[in-house]
Amino acid sequence: MRVIDPRQRLESGVLEMRGDGKAGGGLVLAFQSLAALFAARPEWHVQEWPFFSSARRGANIRSFLRVSRRPVEAACEVTRPLLTLLMDEAAARSADFAEGVPHGGTFVINTRRTPEECAQHFHLSGRVLAVPGDDIGTQHLKHAIGNISAYVALTEAVGGLEFDDVVETFLAQLKKRRIPQQLLDRNRDALHATREAIVEGVFDFARPGDHASTRFEGYGDLPLGAQTRLRLSQNNKTATFARSGFRLLFADPLNACTGCSHCIVNCPEGIIRFEPDTARGVRVTGADVSSFCKLCGECIAVCPENLFSEGRYEEVWDDTHAEEVRS
C-alpha cells in the first residue's frame, strides 16, 4: 500500500484537513493554531473554519483547513481530506471521521490505544498516528483536554515544520486569550511532552466501500436551520454530548425514592425510567444513559434524595455500533 505524503501534497497542490471532536474539547483552537502556523509564512494561502452542530458543550463539531501555495478558491466543506483528526473517540459514534479519506491517507487520533488497534477498529488504510492527549493534558494542565497533543501530532503528520515554531505559534494563540504565564508554561511543557508520546504505523484494514464519500442529494425533509442531521436530537444520539469519561449514575439501594417526580419532569430528553407504585405514585428505577443522556445535571440538581450522580466512565468500543456508523 502506498502512503500519500501530506507534505508532498502540500508542496504540489492543496492539502485538505478535517477534524472531528466535541464542542469544548479544544478542536477549534488546535485548527486555528495550525492555520496560524502556516499563515505566518507568506508562501502559503490558508482557509480554516469550524462547523458546530448544536449550540451546547459536548455536541459534535467539525473543523476544516485548506493550505496551498495558490489562492484557495473553494468555498465548501472538506469532504475528501488527505489528513483527518479524531479529537474525541466518542465523536466517532455519531460521525465517520475517516469519511472521504483516500486509501493511503493519514489519520491522527487522540487515544490511549495503539495505532494498530485504532486501524483495526475503524477499518483504516494508511498512516495512523496515535497520541494520549487527554493523559498529557491531565498531567500538565490538571485537565483531560487533548487539543495540545492533537495539534502537535498534526504538525508531525504534515512534516517539515520547525518544532520551535510549532510551540510558539500555539502559545501565541493562548496569549491572545490572556492566559496567565504560569498556565502558558504548563502548556509549553505539554507541547514538548507530546512529541515523544506520538506512536505511528502504516496499516491496511479498510474494506471495499468503507468511508466512501456520500453524494449531496439535497436537504430532504430537514427543517430550516437544520441543514445537517447532527442538529436534530431525534436523529442524533445525544449521549455523545456528555463530557468524555463521565456518565450519569443512579443508585437507590435503600429504596429511598419518594416519588416526587422532579427528575422525570425536569429531564429535557425524557429518559428517566420509572414504574407505578401504590404508595408513592411512581418509583424511579434509573435512566437511559446509553442513547440520549447528555449529562446536563438536571436530575442531579432536583433529586431530594441525591439518587443521581456523575461518575467516571471508560469509553468502550462497540464494534457492532461502529459497523452501523460506517454503513
C-alpha atoms as a PDB file:
ATOM      1  CA  MET A   1       0.000   0.000   0.000  1.00  0.00           C
ATOM      2  CA  ARG A   2       1.341   3.424  -0.973  1.00  0.00           C
ATOM      3  CA  VAL A   3       1.019   6.111   1.688  1.00  0.00           C
ATOM      4  CA  ILE A   4       0.268   9.568   0.303  1.00  0.00           C
ATOM      5  CA  ASP A   5       2.739  12.049   1.798  1.00  0.00           C
ATOM      6  CA  PRO A   6       0.896  15.115   3.187  1.00  0.00           C
ATOM      7  CA  ARG A   7       3.989  17.283   2.755  1.00  0.00           C
ATOM      8  CA  GLN A   8       4.344  16.324  -0.880  1.00  0.00           C
ATOM      9  CA  ARG A   9       0.673  17.076  -1.474  1.00  0.00           C
ATOM     10  CA  LEU A  10       1.160  20.436   0.229  1.00  0.00           C
ATOM     11  CA  GLU A  11       4.108  21.337  -1.972  1.00  0.00           C
ATOM     12  CA  SER A  12       2.457  20.237  -5.212  1.00  0.00           C
ATOM     13  CA  GLY A  13      -1.139  21.354  -4.788  1.00  0.00           C
ATOM     14  CA  VAL A  14      -3.502  21.812  -1.840  1.00  0.00           C
ATOM     15  CA  LEU A  15      -3.553  19.927   1.452  1.00  0.00           C
ATOM     16  CA  GLU A  16      -7.056  19.484   2.863  1.00  0.00           C
ATOM     17  CA  MET A  17      -7.572  18.529   6.518  1.00  0.00           C
ATOM     18  CA  ARG A  18     -10.617  17.834   8.679  1.00  0.00           C
ATOM     19  CA  GLY A  19     -11.088  17.254  12.402  1.00  0.00           C
ATOM     20  CA  ASP A  20     -13.919  15.712  14.406  1.00  0.00           C
ATOM     21  CA  GLY A  21     -14.448  16.340  18.090  1.00  0.00           C
ATOM     22  CA  LYS A  22     -16.852  17.778  20.630  1.00  0.00           C
ATOM     23  CA  ALA A  23     -17.615  21.395  21.490  1.00  0.00           C
ATOM     24  CA  GLY A  24     -15.500  22.495  24.435  1.00  0.00           C
ATOM     25  CA  GLY A  25     -12.744  19.973  23.697  1.00  0.00           C
ATOM     26  CA  GLY A  26     -10.315  22.388  22.071  1.00  0.00           C
ATOM     27  CA  LEU A  27     -10.672  21.278  18.441  1.00  0.00           C
ATOM     28  CA  VAL A  28     -11.142  24.847  17.204  1.00  0.00           C
ATOM     29  CA  LEU A  29      -8.002  26.079  18.984  1.00  0.00           C
ATOM     30  CA  ALA A  30      -5.956  23.205  17.544  1.00  0.00           C
ATOM     31  CA  PHE A  31      -7.020  24.006  13.977  1.00  0.00           C
ATOM     32  CA  GLN A  32      -6.699  27.770  14.486  1.00  0.00           C
ATOM     33  CA  SER A  33      -3.160  27.248  15.739  1.00  0.00           C
ATOM     34  CA  LEU A  34      -2.304  25.038  12.785  1.00  0.00           C
ATOM     35  CA  ALA A  35      -3.747  27.637  10.413  1.00  0.00           C
ATOM     36  CA  ALA A  36      -1.720  30.385  12.121  1.00  0.00           C
ATOM     37  CA  LEU A  37       1.419  28.267  11.807  1.00  0.00           C
ATOM     38  CA  PHE A  38       1.039  28.122   8.020  1.00  0.00           C
ATOM     39  CA  ALA A  39      -0.301  31.662   7.644  1.00  0.00           C
ATOM     40  CA  ALA A  40       2.856  33.058   9.252  1.00  0.00           C
ATOM     41  CA  ARG A  41       4.754  32.090   6.084  1.00  0.00           C
ATOM     42  CA  PRO A  42       3.983  34.308   3.060  1.00  0.00           C
ATOM     43  CA  GLU A  43       4.140  31.452   0.539  1.00  0.00           C
ATOM     44  CA  TRP A  44       1.067  29.705   1.991  1.00  0.00           C
ATOM     45  CA  HIS A  45      -2.586  30.516   1.459  1.00  0.00           C
ATOM     46  CA  VAL A  46      -4.786  29.275   4.312  1.00  0.00           C
ATOM     47  CA  GLN A  47      -8.516  28.710   4.776  1.00  0.00           C
ATOM     48  CA  GLU A  48      -9.828  27.486   8.170  1.00  0.00           C
ATOM     49  CA  TRP A  49     -13.219  27.379   9.862  1.00  0.00           C
ATOM     50  CA  PRO A  50     -15.247  25.249  12.292  1.00  0.00           C
ATOM     51  CA  PHE A  51     -18.749  23.833  11.930  1.00  0.00           C
ATOM     52  CA  PHE A  52     -20.857  23.412  15.072  1.00  0.00           C
ATOM     53  CA  SER A  53     -23.767  21.007  15.140  1.00  0.00           C
ATOM     54  CA  SER A  54     -25.632  22.085  18.280  1.00  0.00           C
ATOM     55  CA  ALA A  55     -25.061  25.128  20.453  1.00  0.00           C
ATOM     56  CA  ARG A  56     -24.013  23.337  23.602  1.00  0.00           C
ATOM     57  CA  ARG A  57     -20.874  21.929  25.154  1.00  0.00           C
ATOM     58  CA  GLY A  58     -20.287  18.304  24.171  1.00  0.00           C
ATOM     59  CA  ALA A  59     -22.103  18.458  20.832  1.00  0.00           C
ATOM     60  CA  ASN A  60     -20.303  17.153  17.765  1.00  0.00           C
ATOM     61  CA  ILE A  61     -18.146  19.675  15.941  1.00  0.00           C
ATOM     62  CA  ARG A  62     -16.003  19.622  12.812  1.00  0.00           C
ATOM     63  CA  SER A  63     -13.125  21.831  11.732  1.00  0.00           C
ATOM     64  CA  PHE A  64     -11.791  22.271   8.211  1.00  0.00           C
ATOM     65  CA  LEU A  65      -8.431  23.501   6.938  1.00  0.00           C
ATOM     66  CA  ARG A  66      -7.002  24.024   3.464  1.00  0.00           C
ATOM     67  CA  VAL A  67      -3.384  25.063   2.791  1.00  0.00           C
ATOM     68  CA  SER A  68      -1.964  25.771  -0.662  1.00  0.00           C
ATOM     69  CA  ARG A  69       0.728  27.726  -2.473  1.00  0.00           C
ATOM     70  CA  ARG A  70      -2.030  29.133  -4.671  1.00  0.00           C
ATOM     71  CA  PRO A  71      -5.042  31.186  -3.557  1.00  0.00           C
ATOM     72  CA  VAL A  72      -7.763  28.938  -2.129  1.00  0.00           C
ATOM     73  CA  GLU A  73     -10.917  29.498  -4.157  1.00  0.00           C
ATOM     74  CA  ALA A  74     -13.024  26.582  -2.876  1.00  0.00           C
ATOM     75  CA  ALA A  75     -15.824  27.649  -0.533  1.00  0.00           C
ATOM     76  CA  CYS A  76     -17.261  24.388   0.730  1.00  0.00           C
ATOM     77  CA  GLU A  77     -16.680  21.812   3.440  1.00  0.00           C
ATOM     78  CA  VAL A  78     -13.716  19.467   3.133  1.00  0.00           C
ATOM     79  CA  THR A  79     -15.257  16.181   2.029  1.00  0.00           C
ATOM     80  CA  ARG A  80     -12.136  14.329   0.828  1.00  0.00           C
ATOM     81  CA  PRO A  81      -9.371  15.199   3.304  1.00  0.00           C
ATOM     82  CA  LEU A  82      -5.940  13.654   2.980  1.00  0.00           C
ATOM     83  CA  LEU A  83      -5.331  14.197   6.691  1.00  0.00           C
ATOM     84  CA  THR A  84      -8.016  13.768   9.346  1.00  0.00           C
ATOM     85  CA  LEU A  85      -8.110  14.110  13.136  1.00  0.00           C
ATOM     86  CA  LEU A  86     -10.301  12.352  15.681  1.00  0.00           C
ATOM     87  CA  MET A  87     -10.072  14.503  18.799  1.00  0.00           C
ATOM     88  CA  ASP A  88     -12.572  12.543  20.868  1.00  0.00           C
ATOM     89  CA  GLU A  89     -13.291   8.818  20.460  1.00  0.00           C
ATOM     90  CA  ALA A  90     -16.917   9.342  21.495  1.00  0.00           C
ATOM     91  CA  ALA A  91     -17.431  11.613  18.483  1.00  0.00           C
ATOM     92  CA  ALA A  92     -16.852   8.612  16.212  1.00  0.00           C
ATOM     93  CA  ARG A  93     -20.129   7.115  17.440  1.00  0.00           C
ATOM     94  CA  SER A  94     -22.047   9.840  15.606  1.00  0.00           C
ATOM     95  CA  ALA A  95     -19.789  10.699  12.679  1.00  0.00           C
ATOM     96  CA  ASP A  96     -17.370   8.826  10.429  1.00  0.00           C
ATOM     97  CA  PHE A  97     -14.174  10.819  10.927  1.00  0.00           C
ATOM     98  CA  ALA A  98     -12.490   8.859   8.118  1.00  0.00           C
ATOM     99  CA  GLU A  99     -15.192   9.517   5.524  1.00  0.00           C
ATOM    100  CA  GLY A 100     -13.734  10.512   2.174  1.00  0.00           C
ATOM    101  CA  VAL A 101     -10.090   9.903   3.144  1.00  0.00           C
ATOM    102  CA  PRO A 102      -8.324   8.174   0.242  1.00  0.00           C
ATOM    103  CA  HIS A 103      -6.548   4.821   0.541  1.00  0.00           C
ATOM    104  CA  GLY A 104      -3.133   5.688   1.965  1.00  0.00           C
ATOM    105  CA  GLY A 105      -4.289   8.843   3.761  1.00  0.00           C
ATOM    106  CA  THR A 106      -3.193   9.956   7.224  1.00  0.00           C
ATOM    107  CA  PHE A 107      -5.202   9.622  10.444  1.00  0.00           C
ATOM    108  CA  VAL A 108      -4.387  11.341  13.759  1.00  0.00           C
ATOM    109  CA  ILE A 109      -6.245  10.029  16.816  1.00  0.00           C
ATOM    110  CA  ASN A 110      -6.275  11.271  20.401  1.00  0.00           C
ATOM    111  CA  THR A 111      -6.372   7.943  22.249  1.00  0.00           C
ATOM    112  CA  ARG A 112      -4.655   5.678  24.742  1.00  0.00           C
ATOM    113  CA  ARG A 113      -4.880   2.816  22.264  1.00  0.00           C
ATOM    114  CA  THR A 114      -2.203   1.757  19.803  1.00  0.00           C
ATOM    115  CA  PRO A 115      -2.254   2.804  16.138  1.00  0.00           C
ATOM    116  CA  GLU A 116      -2.908  -0.798  15.116  1.00  0.00           C
ATOM    117  CA  GLU A 117      -5.880  -1.119  17.470  1.00  0.00           C
ATOM    118  CA  CYS A 118      -7.334   2.094  16.019  1.00  0.00           C
ATOM    119  CA  ALA A 119      -6.739   0.953  12.441  1.00  0.00           C
ATOM    120  CA  GLN A 120      -8.449  -2.362  13.083  1.00  0.00           C
ATOM    121  CA  HIS A 121     -11.407  -0.872  14.923  1.00  0.00           C
ATOM    122  CA  PHE A 122     -12.123   1.970  12.495  1.00  0.00           C
ATOM    123  CA  HIS A 123     -11.061  -0.005   9.389  1.00  0.00           C
ATOM    124  CA  LEU A 124      -8.358   2.427   8.326  1.00  0.00           C
ATOM    125  CA  SER A 125      -5.890   2.074   5.479  1.00  0.00           C
ATOM    126  CA  GLY A 126      -2.945   4.422   5.617  1.00  0.00           C
ATOM    127  CA  ARG A 127      -0.699   6.083   8.165  1.00  0.00           C
ATOM    128  CA  VAL A 128      -2.098   6.207  11.709  1.00  0.00           C
ATOM    129  CA  LEU A 129      -0.683   8.435  14.451  1.00  0.00           C
ATOM    130  CA  ALA A 130      -1.949   7.863  17.997  1.00  0.00           C
ATOM    131  CA  VAL A 131      -1.270  10.167  20.942  1.00  0.00           C
ATOM    132  CA  PRO A 132      -2.643  10.020  24.527  1.00  0.00           C
ATOM    133  CA  GLY A 133      -3.553  13.691  24.565  1.00  0.00           C
ATOM    134  CA  ASP A 134      -6.045  13.522  27.429  1.00  0.00           C
ATOM    135  CA  ASP A 135      -3.428  11.915  29.675  1.00  0.00           C
ATOM    136  CA  ILE A 136      -0.848  14.546  28.741  1.00  0.00           C
ATOM    137  CA  GLY A 137      -3.407  17.281  29.427  1.00  0.00           C
ATOM    138  CA  THR A 138      -4.212  15.781  32.824  1.00  0.00           C
ATOM    139  CA  GLN A 139      -0.535  15.511  33.726  1.00  0.00           C
ATOM    140  CA  HIS A 140       0.455  19.053  32.806  1.00  0.00           C
ATOM    141  CA  LEU A 141      -2.786  21.055  32.953  1.00  0.00           C
ATOM    142  CA  LYS A 142      -4.801  19.049  35.503  1.00  0.00           C
ATOM    143  CA  HIS A 143      -7.492  18.742  32.840  1.00  0.00           C
ATOM    144  CA  ALA A 144      -8.138  15.915  30.345  1.00  0.00           C
ATOM    145  CA  ILE A 145      -8.038  18.038  27.204  1.00  0.00           C
ATOM    146  CA  GLY A 146      -6.190  16.679  24.187  1.00  0.00           C
ATOM    147  CA  ASN A 147      -6.052  19.649  21.822  1.00  0.00           C
ATOM    148  CA  ILE A 148      -2.398  20.412  22.580  1.00  0.00           C
ATOM    149  CA  SER A 149      -1.301  16.907  21.683  1.00  0.00           C
ATOM    150  CA  ALA A 150      -3.620  16.739  18.675  1.00  0.00           C
ATOM    151  CA  TYR A 151      -2.105  19.956  17.326  1.00  0.00           C
ATOM    152  CA  VAL A 152       1.450  18.670  17.711  1.00  0.00           C
ATOM    153  CA  ALA A 153       0.533  15.321  16.155  1.00  0.00           C
ATOM    154  CA  LEU A 154      -0.996  17.120  13.158  1.00  0.00           C
ATOM    155  CA  THR A 155       2.214  19.084  12.615  1.00  0.00           C
ATOM    156  CA  GLU A 156       4.248  15.870  12.849  1.00  0.00           C
ATOM    157  CA  ALA A 157       1.918  14.236  10.342  1.00  0.00           C
ATOM    158  CA  VAL A 158       2.459  17.067   7.849  1.00  0.00           C
ATOM    159  CA  GLY A 159       6.202  17.214   8.462  1.00  0.00           C
ATOM    160  CA  GLY A 160       8.803  19.832   7.555  1.00  0.00           C
ATOM    161  CA  LEU A 161       7.785  22.275  10.302  1.00  0.00           C
ATOM    162  CA  GLU A 162      10.219  23.652  12.861  1.00  0.00           C
ATOM    163  CA  PHE A 163       9.192  22.470  16.323  1.00  0.00           C
ATOM    164  CA  ASP A 164      10.094  25.797  17.933  1.00  0.00           C
ATOM    165  CA  ASP A 165       7.653  27.484  15.534  1.00  0.00           C
ATOM    166  CA  VAL A 166       5.035  24.844  16.381  1.00  0.00           C
ATOM    167  CA  VAL A 167       5.351  25.613  20.097  1.00  0.00           C
ATOM    168  CA  GLU A 168       5.477  29.396  19.861  1.00  0.00           C
ATOM    169  CA  THR A 169       2.507  29.566  17.475  1.00  0.00           C
ATOM    170  CA  PHE A 170       0.273  27.655  19.874  1.00  0.00           C
ATOM    171  CA  LEU A 171       1.386  29.759  22.843  1.00  0.00           C
ATOM    172  CA  ALA A 172       0.737  32.918  20.822  1.00  0.00           C
ATOM    173  CA  GLN A 173      -2.863  31.816  20.324  1.00  0.00           C
ATOM    174  CA  LEU A 174      -3.200  31.350  24.091  1.00  0.00           C
ATOM    175  CA  LYS A 175      -1.715  34.781  24.794  1.00  0.00           C
ATOM    176  CA  LYS A 176      -4.490  36.334  22.727  1.00  0.00           C
ATOM    177  CA  ARG A 177      -6.865  34.814  25.253  1.00  0.00           C
ATOM    178  CA  ARG A 178      -4.983  36.438  28.135  1.00  0.00           C
ATOM    179  CA  ILE A 179      -3.822  33.149  29.605  1.00  0.00           C
ATOM    180  CA  PRO A 180      -1.597  33.715  32.690  1.00  0.00           C
ATOM    181  CA  GLN A 181       2.116  32.986  32.375  1.00  0.00           C
ATOM    182  CA  GLN A 182       2.032  30.029  34.761  1.00  0.00           C
ATOM    183  CA  LEU A 183      -0.531  28.299  32.564  1.00  0.00           C
ATOM    184  CA  LEU A 184       1.444  29.178  29.440  1.00  0.00           C
ATOM    185  CA  ASP A 185       4.445  27.407  30.954  1.00  0.00           C
ATOM    186  CA  ARG A 186       2.341  24.313  31.616  1.00  0.00           C
ATOM    187  CA  ASN A 187       1.126  24.351  28.034  1.00  0.00           C
ATOM    188  CA  ARG A 188       4.719  24.605  26.839  1.00  0.00           C
ATOM    189  CA  ASP A 189       5.612  21.523  28.887  1.00  0.00           C
ATOM    190  CA  ALA A 190       2.650  19.646  27.410  1.00  0.00           C
ATOM    191  CA  LEU A 191       3.707  20.586  23.884  1.00  0.00           C
ATOM    192  CA  HIS A 192       7.193  19.206  24.438  1.00  0.00           C
ATOM    193  CA  ALA A 193       5.898  16.070  26.177  1.00  0.00           C
ATOM    194  CA  THR A 194       3.644  15.268  23.231  1.00  0.00           C
ATOM    195  CA  ARG A 195       6.425  14.887  20.695  1.00  0.00           C
ATOM    196  CA  GLU A 196       7.831  11.834  22.469  1.00  0.00           C
ATOM    197  CA  ALA A 197       4.403  10.291  23.073  1.00  0.00           C
ATOM    198  CA  ILE A 198       3.282  10.028  19.435  1.00  0.00           C
ATOM    199  CA  VAL A 199       3.234   6.466  18.096  1.00  0.00           C
ATOM    200  CA  GLU A 200       2.557   5.699  14.448  1.00  0.00           C
ATOM    201  CA  GLY A 201       2.317   2.903  11.937  1.00  0.00           C
ATOM    202  CA  VAL A 202       1.041   2.027   8.485  1.00  0.00           C
ATOM    203  CA  PHE A 203      -1.893  -0.382   8.190  1.00  0.00           C
ATOM    204  CA  ASP A 204      -4.357  -1.664   5.610  1.00  0.00           C
ATOM    205  CA  PHE A 205      -7.659  -2.651   7.228  1.00  0.00           C
ATOM    206  CA  ALA A 206     -10.224  -0.792   5.113  1.00  0.00           C
ATOM    207  CA  ARG A 207     -12.755  -2.901   3.235  1.00  0.00           C
ATOM    208  CA  PRO A 208     -14.372  -2.037  -0.082  1.00  0.00           C
ATOM    209  CA  GLY A 209     -16.885   0.741   0.499  1.00  0.00           C
ATOM    210  CA  ASP A 210     -15.574   1.786   3.914  1.00  0.00           C
ATOM    211  CA  HIS A 211     -15.539   5.568   4.466  1.00  0.00           C
ATOM    212  CA  ALA A 212     -16.835   6.352   0.983  1.00  0.00           C
ATOM    213  CA  SER A 213     -17.928   9.943   0.433  1.00  0.00           C
ATOM    214  CA  THR A 214     -21.680  10.426   0.274  1.00  0.00           C
ATOM    215  CA  ARG A 215     -23.121  12.484  -2.546  1.00  0.00           C
ATOM    216  CA  PHE A 216     -25.175  15.546  -1.669  1.00  0.00           C
ATOM    217  CA  GLU A 217     -28.801  14.858  -2.576  1.00  0.00           C
ATOM    218  CA  GLY A 218     -30.494  17.883  -1.056  1.00  0.00           C
ATOM    219  CA  TYR A 219     -31.762  18.589   2.431  1.00  0.00           C
ATOM    220  CA  GLY A 220     -34.862  16.436   2.082  1.00  0.00           C
ATOM    221  CA  ASP A 221     -37.344  16.886   4.924  1.00  0.00           C
ATOM    222  CA  LEU A 222     -34.901  18.667   7.242  1.00  0.00           C
ATOM    223  CA  PRO A 223     -36.398  21.899   8.622  1.00  0.00           C
ATOM    224  CA  LEU A 224     -34.857  25.337   8.030  1.00  0.00           C
ATOM    225  CA  GLY A 225     -31.808  25.900  10.192  1.00  0.00           C
ATOM    226  CA  ALA A 226     -31.049  22.173  10.379  1.00  0.00           C
ATOM    227  CA  GLN A 227     -29.001  21.548   7.269  1.00  0.00           C
ATOM    228  CA  THR A 228     -27.378  18.575   8.957  1.00  0.00           C
ATOM    229  CA  ARG A 229     -28.961  15.747  10.905  1.00  0.00           C
ATOM    230  CA  LEU A 230     -26.481  16.412  13.697  1.00  0.00           C
ATOM    231  CA  ARG A 231     -28.639  19.436  14.577  1.00  0.00           C
ATOM    232  CA  LEU A 232     -31.660  17.255  15.349  1.00  0.00           C
ATOM    233  CA  SER A 233     -31.871  15.431  18.663  1.00  0.00           C
ATOM    234  CA  GLN A 234     -34.176  12.746  17.262  1.00  0.00           C
ATOM    235  CA  ASN A 235     -31.565  11.868  14.613  1.00  0.00           C
ATOM    236  CA  ASN A 236     -28.509  12.103  16.824  1.00  0.00           C
ATOM    237  CA  LYS A 237     -27.794  10.100  19.962  1.00  0.00           C
ATOM    238  CA  THR A 238     -27.218  12.990  22.313  1.00  0.00           C
ATOM    239  CA  ALA A 239     -25.407  10.746  24.792  1.00  0.00           C
ATOM    240  CA  THR A 240     -22.337  11.643  22.754  1.00  0.00           C
ATOM    241  CA  PHE A 241     -22.774  15.222  24.017  1.00  0.00           C
ATOM    242  CA  ALA A 242     -21.762  14.169  27.531  1.00  0.00           C
ATOM    243  CA  ARG A 243     -18.259  15.001  28.667  1.00  0.00           C
ATOM    244  CA  SER A 244     -15.833  12.252  27.732  1.00  0.00           C
ATOM    245  CA  GLY A 245     -15.003   9.965  30.601  1.00  0.00           C
ATOM    246  CA  PHE A 246     -18.186  10.676  32.608  1.00  0.00           C
ATOM    247  CA  ARG A 247     -21.674   9.200  32.746  1.00  0.00           C
ATOM    248  CA  LEU A 248     -24.848   9.652  34.780  1.00  0.00           C
ATOM    249  CA  LEU A 249     -25.210   7.161  37.630  1.00  0.00           C
ATOM    250  CA  PHE A 250     -28.346   6.167  39.551  1.00  0.00           C
ATOM    251  CA  ALA A 251     -28.333   4.203  42.809  1.00  0.00           C
ATOM    252  CA  ASP A 252     -31.208   3.578  45.235  1.00  0.00           C
ATOM    253  CA  PRO A 253     -30.177   0.592  47.388  1.00  0.00           C
ATOM    254  CA  LEU A 254     -32.393   1.720  50.296  1.00  0.00           C
ATOM    255  CA  ASN A 255     -35.472   2.293  48.130  1.00  0.00           C
ATOM    256  CA  ALA A 256     -35.397   5.956  49.137  1.00  0.00           C
ATOM    257  CA  CYS A 257     -37.145   7.389  46.069  1.00  0.00           C
ATOM    258  CA  THR A 258     -40.093   9.468  47.326  1.00  0.00           C
ATOM    259  CA  GLY A 259     -41.952   9.531  44.016  1.00  0.00           C
ATOM    260  CA  CYS A 260     -41.745  13.330  43.804  1.00  0.00           C
ATOM    261  CA  SER A 261     -41.152  13.034  40.019  1.00  0.00           C
ATOM    262  CA  HIS A 262     -38.912  16.109  39.890  1.00  0.00           C
ATOM    263  CA  CYS A 263     -36.350  14.214  37.831  1.00  0.00           C
ATOM    264  CA  ILE A 264     -38.999  12.974  35.381  1.00  0.00           C
ATOM    265  CA  VAL A 265     -40.406  16.461  34.836  1.00  0.00           C
ATOM    266  CA  ASN A 266     -37.045  18.231  34.536  1.00  0.00           C
ATOM    267  CA  CYS A 267     -35.245  15.766  32.261  1.00  0.00           C
ATOM    268  CA  PRO A 268     -35.012  17.510  28.830  1.00  0.00           C
ATOM    269  CA  GLU A 269     -34.670  14.186  26.995  1.00  0.00           C
ATOM    270  CA  GLY A 270     -37.466  12.314  28.805  1.00  0.00           C
ATOM    271  CA  ILE A 271     -35.291   9.312  29.597  1.00  0.00           C
ATOM    272  CA  ILE A 272     -35.958   8.780  33.312  1.00  0.00           C
ATOM    273  CA  ARG A 273     -37.179   5.232  33.907  1.00  0.00           C
ATOM    274  CA  PHE A 274     -39.907   4.627  36.496  1.00  0.00           C
ATOM    275  CA  GLU A 275     -42.639   2.195  37.449  1.00  0.00           C
ATOM    276  CA  PRO A 276     -46.017   2.581  39.190  1.00  0.00           C
ATOM    277  CA  ASP A 277     -46.014   2.411  42.987  1.00  0.00           C
ATOM    278  CA  THR A 278     -49.204   2.193  45.050  1.00  0.00           C
ATOM    279  CA  ALA A 279     -47.824   4.164  47.989  1.00  0.00           C
ATOM    280  CA  ARG A 280     -45.724   6.807  46.204  1.00  0.00           C
ATOM    281  CA  GLY A 281     -47.350   7.030  42.799  1.00  0.00           C
ATOM    282  CA  VAL A 282     -44.143   6.223  40.938  1.00  0.00           C
ATOM    283  CA  ARG A 283     -40.751   4.815  41.798  1.00  0.00           C
ATOM    284  CA  VAL A 284     -37.763   5.889  39.721  1.00  0.00           C
ATOM    285  CA  THR A 285     -35.542   2.987  38.643  1.00  0.00           C
ATOM    286  CA  GLY A 286     -32.881   4.708  36.546  1.00  0.00           C
ATOM    287  CA  ALA A 287     -32.319   6.446  33.208  1.00  0.00           C
ATOM    288  CA  ASP A 288     -31.465   5.511  29.625  1.00  0.00           C
ATOM    289  CA  VAL A 289     -27.901   6.776  29.661  1.00  0.00           C
ATOM    290  CA  SER A 290     -26.786   4.818  26.600  1.00  0.00           C
ATOM    291  CA  SER A 291     -28.516   6.888  23.924  1.00  0.00           C
ATOM    292  CA  PHE A 292     -29.857  10.273  24.970  1.00  0.00           C
ATOM    293  CA  CYS A 293     -28.417  11.318  28.350  1.00  0.00           C
ATOM    294  CA  LYS A 294     -26.178  14.324  27.684  1.00  0.00           C
ATOM    295  CA  LEU A 295     -25.265  14.713  31.368  1.00  0.00           C
ATOM    296  CA  CYS A 296     -26.983  18.081  31.752  1.00  0.00           C
ATOM    297  CA  GLY A 297     -27.267  17.502  35.510  1.00  0.00           C
ATOM    298  CA  GLU A 298     -30.926  18.463  35.910  1.00  0.00           C
ATOM    299  CA  CYS A 299     -31.846  15.226  37.694  1.00  0.00           C
ATOM    300  CA  ILE A 300     -28.809  15.535  39.959  1.00  0.00           C
ATOM    301  CA  ALA A 301     -29.855  19.060  40.939  1.00  0.00           C
ATOM    302  CA  VAL A 302     -33.533  18.376  41.688  1.00  0.00           C
ATOM    303  CA  CYS A 303     -33.488  14.933  43.363  1.00  0.00           C
ATOM    304  CA  PRO A 304     -34.160  15.483  47.103  1.00  0.00           C
ATOM    305  CA  GLU A 305     -32.637  12.102  47.968  1.00  0.00           C
ATOM    306  CA  ASN A 306     -29.451  12.573  45.900  1.00  0.00           C
ATOM    307  CA  LEU A 307     -30.006   9.340  43.989  1.00  0.00           C
ATOM    308  CA  PHE A 308     -28.381  10.628  40.800  1.00  0.00           C
ATOM    309  CA  SER A 309     -24.699  11.427  40.470  1.00  0.00           C
ATOM    310  CA  GLU A 310     -21.955  11.897  37.914  1.00  0.00           C
ATOM    311  CA  GLY A 311     -19.298   9.196  37.747  1.00  0.00           C
ATOM    312  CA  ARG A 312     -16.240   8.135  35.810  1.00  0.00           C
ATOM    313  CA  TYR A 313     -16.864   6.086  32.679  1.00  0.00           C
ATOM    314  CA  GLU A 314     -14.323   4.305  30.499  1.00  0.00           C
ATOM    315  CA  GLU A 315     -15.195   4.667  26.805  1.00  0.00           C
ATOM    316  CA  VAL A 316     -15.720   1.169  25.401  1.00  0.00           C
ATOM    317  CA  TRP A 317     -15.594   0.472  21.703  1.00  0.00           C
ATOM    318  CA  ASP A 318     -18.752  -1.174  20.394  1.00  0.00           C
ATOM    319  CA  ASP A 319     -17.804  -2.842  17.106  1.00  0.00           C
ATOM    320  CA  THR A 320     -21.437  -3.568  16.320  1.00  0.00           C
ATOM    321  CA  HIS A 321     -22.296   0.112  16.534  1.00  0.00           C
ATOM    322  CA  ALA A 322     -19.149   1.016  14.604  1.00  0.00           C
ATOM    323  CA  GLU A 323     -20.469  -1.122  11.746  1.00  0.00           C
ATOM    324  CA  GLU A 324     -23.746   0.831  11.869  1.00  0.00           C
ATOM    325  CA  VAL A 325     -21.940   4.162  11.705  1.00  0.00           C
ATOM    326  CA  ARG A 326     -19.841   3.089   8.722  1.00  0.00           C
ATOM    327  CA  SER A 327     -22.833   1.722   6.858  1.00  0.00           C
END
